């Protein structure tokens, strides 16, 4: 009887440890590649089991070792595929040089809103960005770059709204949240969100369903604002009226004025409404309103600098 039990236990161990047949992809958020772009910038490749593909992430980090907090910084509607627009269009790399923090810059995710979609989309694919950013990626960052679990998250426009959504749904993970020209109120932002996805040729209802689906409220930072209590919160917005950066001669100037002006005006109204929502709950936040400025990168560069005294100390950076 005892011999039979030993044989049975050995069989169970063999079955549990045997390599799986079929797919050779590793499970979970698994580091599958890394290359140093400089002493303080590294690109890693992480296999996401949720999306069944490899996601590239660039990380700005100190040159030395040690323990540090991490700032997950999300891109906008058109995220960089080979490099984050934060490092391509702003001085983020120089700004964070010498600071004791990991700045985590995911690549890709066009019109994803960095969320888990209800259904795969024929155009955009199977998006499970919330799972990747909150469950799969942080252990890889902490293990590879000395992350100590003190996390912040921020982003511009699409990424900023997503930052507040992710923080309100995963309050255990973040100590601070920053939004640059971001609308953290789905009831006000629903139309632009649906339109921005549809303009990419995708079906916006594959994300959280049609308007009225409970998933819209479940992902709404305004509805779930109480989950943000106790965090360092920062929101930047301008009025959309051309400002000092529209005096600069640059190729994007017409777009910044014609498109970026009205978009920023809509965001400004949304941020004002969100300020009222937080005020009604007694949740403090820093709102950095500008009398002029458009929905464009020159202002987001300035806002990133302005936000750091709020975000950095919250994660010990």
Protein backbone atom coordinates (compact mmCIF):
# COMPACT_ATOMS: atom_id res chain seq x y z
CA UNK A 1 0.00 0.00 0.00
CA UNK A 2 2.79 2.42 1.00
CA UNK A 3 4.79 1.51 -2.12
CA UNK A 4 1.77 2.19 -4.31
CA UNK A 5 1.28 5.60 -2.67
CA UNK A 6 4.92 6.51 -3.35
CA UNK A 7 4.56 5.54 -7.00
CA UNK A 8 1.39 7.60 -7.29
CA UNK A 9 3.07 10.66 -5.77
CA UNK A 10 6.03 10.28 -8.13
CA UNK A 11 3.65 10.13 -11.08
CA UNK A 12 1.93 13.32 -9.96
CA UNK A 13 5.30 15.11 -9.67
CA UNK A 14 6.31 13.99 -13.16
CA UNK A 15 3.01 15.21 -14.64
CA UNK A 16 3.25 18.60 -12.91
CA UNK A 17 6.84 19.23 -13.96
CA UNK A 18 6.73 17.84 -17.48
CA UNK A 19 7.17 20.42 -20.25
CA UNK A 20 3.95 21.39 -22.01
CA UNK A 21 3.54 20.26 -25.58
CA UNK A 22 2.44 22.64 -28.32
CA UNK A 23 3.20 26.31 -27.66
CA UNK A 24 6.74 27.07 -26.52
CA UNK A 25 5.80 30.56 -25.27
CA UNK A 26 6.57 31.23 -21.60
CA UNK A 27 3.60 31.86 -19.30
CA UNK A 28 2.79 35.07 -17.47
CA UNK A 29 4.73 38.32 -17.66
CA UNK A 30 8.12 36.88 -18.56
CA UNK A 31 11.28 38.75 -19.51
CA UNK A 32 12.39 37.30 -22.85
CA UNK A 33 14.96 39.88 -23.93
CA UNK A 34 16.82 43.02 -22.89
CA UNK A 35 19.27 45.42 -24.51
CA UNK A 36 20.95 48.47 -23.05
CA UNK A 37 20.44 51.57 -25.17
CA UNK A 38 22.67 53.55 -22.83
CA UNK A 39 23.92 53.32 -19.25
CA UNK A 40 20.58 54.70 -18.08
CA UNK A 41 18.12 53.44 -20.70
CA UNK A 42 17.19 49.83 -21.37
CA UNK A 43 14.68 48.19 -23.68
CA UNK A 44 13.12 44.96 -22.46
CA UNK A 45 10.84 42.49 -24.22
CA UNK A 46 8.16 40.97 -22.01
CA UNK A 47 5.90 38.13 -23.04
CA UNK A 48 2.30 38.84 -22.02
CA UNK A 49 0.29 35.69 -21.46
CA UNK A 50 -2.87 37.80 -21.45
CA UNK A 51 -2.20 39.14 -24.97
CA UNK A 52 -0.19 36.12 -26.13
CA UNK A 53 2.55 38.27 -27.57
CA UNK A 54 5.73 40.09 -26.67
CA UNK A 55 5.47 43.74 -25.59
CA UNK A 56 8.46 46.04 -25.78
CA UNK A 57 9.07 48.44 -22.89
CA UNK A 58 11.79 51.04 -22.49
CA UNK A 59 12.97 51.97 -19.00
CA UNK A 60 14.87 55.04 -17.87
CA UNK A 61 16.81 54.12 -14.74
CA UNK A 62 19.82 55.15 -12.66
CA UNK A 63 23.21 53.86 -13.79
CA UNK A 64 23.90 52.17 -10.47
CA UNK A 65 22.11 49.55 -8.45
CA UNK A 66 19.92 49.91 -5.41
CA UNK A 67 16.23 50.06 -4.61
CA UNK A 68 13.87 52.66 -6.10
CA UNK A 69 10.29 53.50 -6.95
CA UNK A 70 8.83 53.27 -10.45
CA UNK A 71 6.84 55.78 -12.52
CA UNK A 72 4.77 54.15 -15.27
CA UNK A 73 4.39 56.84 -17.94
CA UNK A 74 1.80 56.18 -20.66
CA UNK A 75 1.63 57.58 -24.18
CA UNK A 76 -1.30 59.13 -26.05
CA UNK A 77 -3.66 57.92 -28.74
CA UNK A 78 -0.80 57.34 -31.21
CA UNK A 79 1.87 55.72 -29.03
CA UNK A 80 5.37 55.15 -30.26
CA UNK A 81 6.14 51.69 -31.62
CA UNK A 82 9.95 51.91 -31.50
CA UNK A 83 10.30 54.65 -28.91
CA UNK A 84 7.92 56.32 -26.49
CA UNK A 85 6.78 59.73 -27.65
CA UNK A 86 7.73 60.98 -24.19
CA UNK A 87 11.42 60.48 -25.02
CA UNK A 88 11.06 61.40 -28.70
CA UNK A 89 9.07 64.64 -28.26
CA UNK A 90 10.12 65.89 -24.82
CA UNK A 91 13.23 66.12 -22.66
CA UNK A 92 12.01 63.30 -20.38
CA UNK A 93 15.26 61.36 -20.66
CA UNK A 94 17.39 64.34 -19.62
CA UNK A 95 14.87 65.40 -16.97
CA UNK A 96 14.96 62.06 -15.16
CA UNK A 97 18.72 61.62 -15.48
CA UNK A 98 20.17 61.47 -11.97
CA UNK A 99 16.81 60.89 -10.29
CA UNK A 100 16.43 57.72 -8.25
CA UNK A 101 13.42 56.33 -10.12
CA UNK A 102 12.56 53.86 -12.86
CA UNK A 103 10.51 55.52 -15.61
CA UNK A 104 8.61 52.74 -17.37
CA UNK A 105 7.58 53.50 -20.97
CA UNK A 106 5.45 50.82 -22.69
CA UNK A 107 5.52 50.80 -26.49
CA UNK A 108 2.49 50.22 -28.69
CA UNK A 109 -1.20 50.12 -27.80
CA UNK A 110 -2.74 52.29 -30.53
CA UNK A 111 -6.14 53.60 -29.36
CA UNK A 112 -6.13 50.95 -26.62
CA UNK A 113 -6.93 53.21 -23.66
CA UNK A 114 -4.55 50.82 -21.89
CA UNK A 115 -7.44 48.64 -20.77
CA UNK A 116 -8.68 45.06 -21.09
CA UNK A 117 -11.10 44.97 -24.02
CA UNK A 118 -14.18 42.79 -23.82
CA UNK A 119 -13.55 41.29 -27.26
CA UNK A 120 -10.61 41.06 -29.67
CA UNK A 121 -10.86 43.65 -32.42
CA UNK A 122 -10.24 42.63 -36.06
CA UNK A 123 -8.19 45.80 -36.62
CA UNK A 124 -6.45 46.44 -33.29
CA UNK A 125 -6.13 42.89 -31.99
CA UNK A 126 -6.65 41.38 -28.55
CA UNK A 127 -6.02 44.14 -26.04
CA UNK A 128 -5.42 43.20 -22.39
CA UNK A 129 -3.37 46.19 -21.35
CA UNK A 130 -4.69 46.49 -17.80
CA UNK A 131 -3.64 42.94 -17.04
CA UNK A 132 -0.23 43.55 -18.59
CA UNK A 133 0.44 46.85 -16.83
CA UNK A 134 -0.87 45.88 -13.39
CA UNK A 135 -0.15 42.14 -13.12
CA UNK A 136 2.45 41.05 -15.64
CA UNK A 137 4.88 43.95 -16.00
CA UNK A 138 5.48 45.20 -12.41
CA UNK A 139 7.17 41.99 -11.16
CA UNK A 140 9.52 42.12 -14.17
CA UNK A 141 10.37 45.77 -13.51
CA UNK A 142 10.95 45.16 -9.82
CA UNK A 143 13.18 42.14 -10.42
CA UNK A 144 15.24 43.66 -13.22
CA UNK A 145 15.52 47.30 -12.11
CA UNK A 146 15.34 47.20 -8.31
CA UNK A 147 11.75 48.39 -8.04
CA UNK A 148 10.65 48.52 -4.42
CA UNK A 149 6.87 48.48 -4.91
CA UNK A 150 6.46 52.26 -4.56
CA UNK A 151 4.71 52.97 -7.87
CA UNK A 152 3.17 55.96 -9.60
CA UNK A 153 1.38 56.11 -12.93
CA UNK A 154 0.76 58.97 -15.34
CA UNK A 155 0.10 59.77 -18.94
CA UNK A 156 -1.04 62.33 -21.48
CA UNK A 157 -4.47 62.48 -23.11
CA UNK A 158 -5.54 58.84 -23.68
CA UNK A 159 -2.76 57.64 -21.37
CA UNK A 160 -3.65 60.15 -18.66
CA UNK A 161 -7.28 59.08 -18.53
CA UNK A 162 -6.07 55.48 -18.49
CA UNK A 163 -3.71 56.24 -15.61
CA UNK A 164 -6.63 57.38 -13.45
CA UNK A 165 -8.71 54.38 -14.57
CA UNK A 166 -5.93 51.93 -13.72
CA UNK A 167 -5.31 53.57 -10.34
CA UNK A 168 -8.99 53.59 -9.40
CA UNK A 169 -9.30 49.91 -10.33
CA UNK A 170 -6.00 48.86 -8.75
CA UNK A 171 -5.54 51.24 -5.82
CA UNK A 172 -3.18 48.83 -4.05
CA UNK A 173 -0.57 49.29 -6.78
CA UNK A 174 -0.06 53.07 -6.98
CA UNK A 175 0.79 55.86 -4.59
CA UNK A 176 0.48 58.73 -7.08
CA UNK A 177 -1.31 59.50 -10.36
CA UNK A 178 -0.67 62.21 -12.95
CA UNK A 179 -2.77 63.26 -15.92
CA UNK A 180 -1.58 65.71 -18.56
CA UNK A 181 -4.50 66.98 -20.69
CA UNK A 182 -6.45 63.95 -19.54
CA UNK A 183 -10.20 63.47 -19.03
CA UNK A 184 -10.87 61.18 -16.03
CA UNK A 185 -14.65 61.17 -16.49
CA UNK A 186 -16.09 58.62 -18.92
CA UNK A 187 -19.51 60.24 -19.01
CA UNK A 188 -17.92 63.36 -20.50
CA UNK A 189 -15.23 61.60 -22.48
CA UNK A 190 -17.34 58.79 -23.97
CA UNK A 191 -18.03 60.51 -27.30
CA UNK A 192 -14.40 61.39 -28.03
CA UNK A 193 -13.25 57.94 -26.89
CA UNK A 194 -15.70 56.15 -29.16
CA UNK A 195 -14.86 58.47 -32.05
CA UNK A 196 -11.09 58.11 -31.64
CA UNK A 197 -11.33 54.32 -31.83
CA UNK A 198 -13.76 54.36 -34.75
CA UNK A 199 -11.45 56.68 -36.71
CA UNK A 200 -8.80 53.97 -36.51
CA UNK A 201 -11.19 51.64 -38.34
CA UNK A 202 -11.88 49.60 -35.19
CA UNK A 203 -15.11 48.79 -33.37
CA UNK A 204 -15.21 50.92 -30.18
CA UNK A 205 -17.85 48.65 -28.62
CA UNK A 206 -15.26 45.87 -28.44
CA UNK A 207 -13.67 47.84 -25.62
CA UNK A 208 -16.29 48.23 -22.86
CA UNK A 209 -19.41 47.45 -24.83
CA UNK A 210 -22.02 49.89 -26.09
CA UNK A 211 -22.98 52.99 -24.06
CA UNK A 212 -24.90 51.83 -21.00
CA UNK A 213 -22.81 48.68 -20.56
CA UNK A 214 -21.78 48.43 -16.87
CA UNK A 215 -18.13 48.24 -17.95
CA UNK A 216 -18.15 51.96 -18.74
CA UNK A 217 -18.96 52.81 -15.14
CA UNK A 218 -16.60 50.13 -13.84
CA UNK A 219 -13.74 51.89 -15.66
CA UNK A 220 -14.81 55.45 -14.82
CA UNK A 221 -12.40 57.25 -12.44
CA UNK A 222 -15.13 59.77 -11.59
CA UNK A 223 -17.60 57.07 -10.55
CA UNK A 224 -14.90 55.22 -8.61
CA UNK A 225 -13.08 58.30 -7.34
CA UNK A 226 -13.13 57.21 -3.71
CA UNK A 227 -10.52 54.57 -4.60
CA UNK A 228 -8.10 57.45 -5.28
CA UNK A 229 -8.30 58.71 -1.70
CA UNK A 230 -4.90 58.98 -0.01
CA UNK A 231 -2.89 59.16 -3.24
CA UNK A 232 -0.92 62.11 -4.57
CA UNK A 233 -2.99 63.34 -7.52
CA UNK A 234 -1.96 65.79 -10.24
CA UNK A 235 -3.95 67.05 -13.23
CA UNK A 236 -2.80 69.59 -15.81
CA UNK A 237 -5.02 71.27 -18.39
CA UNK A 238 -5.14 74.45 -20.45
CA UNK A 239 -8.02 76.33 -22.06
CA UNK A 240 -7.16 75.60 -25.70
CA UNK A 241 -6.45 79.27 -26.42
CA UNK A 242 -3.10 79.54 -28.27
CA UNK A 243 -0.34 80.29 -25.81
CA UNK A 244 3.43 80.79 -25.65
CA UNK A 245 4.34 77.59 -27.49
CA UNK A 246 2.20 78.67 -30.44
CA UNK A 247 4.71 81.48 -30.97
CA UNK A 248 7.29 78.84 -31.94
CA UNK A 249 7.77 78.09 -35.63
CA UNK A 250 7.35 74.32 -36.06
CA UNK A 251 5.68 71.91 -38.52
CA UNK A 252 2.97 70.95 -36.01
CA UNK A 253 1.83 74.54 -35.42
CA UNK A 254 -1.30 74.47 -37.65
CA UNK A 255 -2.42 71.14 -36.16
CA UNK A 256 -1.78 72.36 -32.63
CA UNK A 257 -4.04 75.35 -33.16
CA UNK A 258 -6.78 73.89 -35.39
CA UNK A 259 -7.09 70.51 -33.65
CA UNK A 260 -5.23 70.89 -30.37
CA UNK A 261 -7.13 74.01 -29.35
CA UNK A 262 -10.69 72.57 -29.39
CA UNK A 263 -9.55 69.23 -27.96
CA UNK A 264 -7.84 70.94 -25.02
CA UNK A 265 -10.94 73.08 -24.41
CA UNK A 266 -13.02 69.89 -24.05
CA UNK A 267 -10.43 68.36 -21.73
CA UNK A 268 -10.40 71.54 -19.63
CA UNK A 269 -14.17 71.26 -19.02
CA UNK A 270 -13.76 67.59 -18.08
CA UNK A 271 -10.95 68.29 -15.62
CA UNK A 272 -13.01 71.07 -14.01
CA UNK A 273 -15.87 68.61 -13.54
CA UNK A 274 -13.50 66.05 -12.04
CA UNK A 275 -12.18 68.67 -9.63
CA UNK A 276 -15.75 69.18 -8.45
CA UNK A 277 -16.21 65.44 -8.04
CA UNK A 278 -13.08 65.07 -5.91
CA UNK A 279 -14.04 68.16 -3.91
CA UNK A 280 -17.44 66.68 -3.09
CA UNK A 281 -15.66 63.63 -1.67
CA UNK A 282 -13.06 65.63 0.22
CA UNK A 283 -10.18 64.15 -1.81
CA UNK A 284 -7.28 66.59 -2.24
CA UNK A 285 -5.48 66.91 -5.56
CA UNK A 286 -3.28 69.40 -7.33
CA UNK A 287 -4.92 70.97 -10.39
CA UNK A 288 -2.56 72.95 -12.59
CA UNK A 289 -4.75 75.04 -14.88
CA UNK A 290 -3.21 77.24 -17.55
CA UNK A 291 -4.99 80.27 -19.03
CA UNK A 292 -3.59 79.47 -22.48
CA UNK A 293 -2.25 76.36 -24.17
CA UNK A 294 -3.20 73.63 -26.62
CA UNK A 295 -3.29 69.84 -26.72
CA UNK A 296 0.35 69.46 -27.71
CA UNK A 297 3.71 68.11 -26.61
CA UNK A 298 5.44 71.36 -25.71
CA UNK A 299 2.92 71.90 -22.93
CA UNK A 300 3.10 68.29 -21.75
CA UNK A 301 6.87 68.66 -21.40
CA UNK A 302 6.30 71.65 -19.11
CA UNK A 303 3.57 69.79 -17.22
CA UNK A 304 5.83 66.78 -16.63
CA UNK A 305 8.35 69.06 -14.93
CA UNK A 306 5.62 70.79 -12.95
CA UNK A 307 4.13 67.51 -11.75
CA UNK A 308 7.30 66.00 -10.35
CA UNK A 309 7.22 67.79 -6.96
CA UNK A 310 3.84 66.07 -6.46
CA UNK A 311 4.66 62.64 -7.91
CA UNK A 312 8.31 62.15 -6.94
CA UNK A 313 8.05 62.48 -3.15
CA UNK A 314 5.06 60.11 -3.09
CA UNK A 315 7.31 57.28 -4.32
CA UNK A 316 10.46 58.39 -2.50
CA UNK A 317 12.19 59.71 -5.63
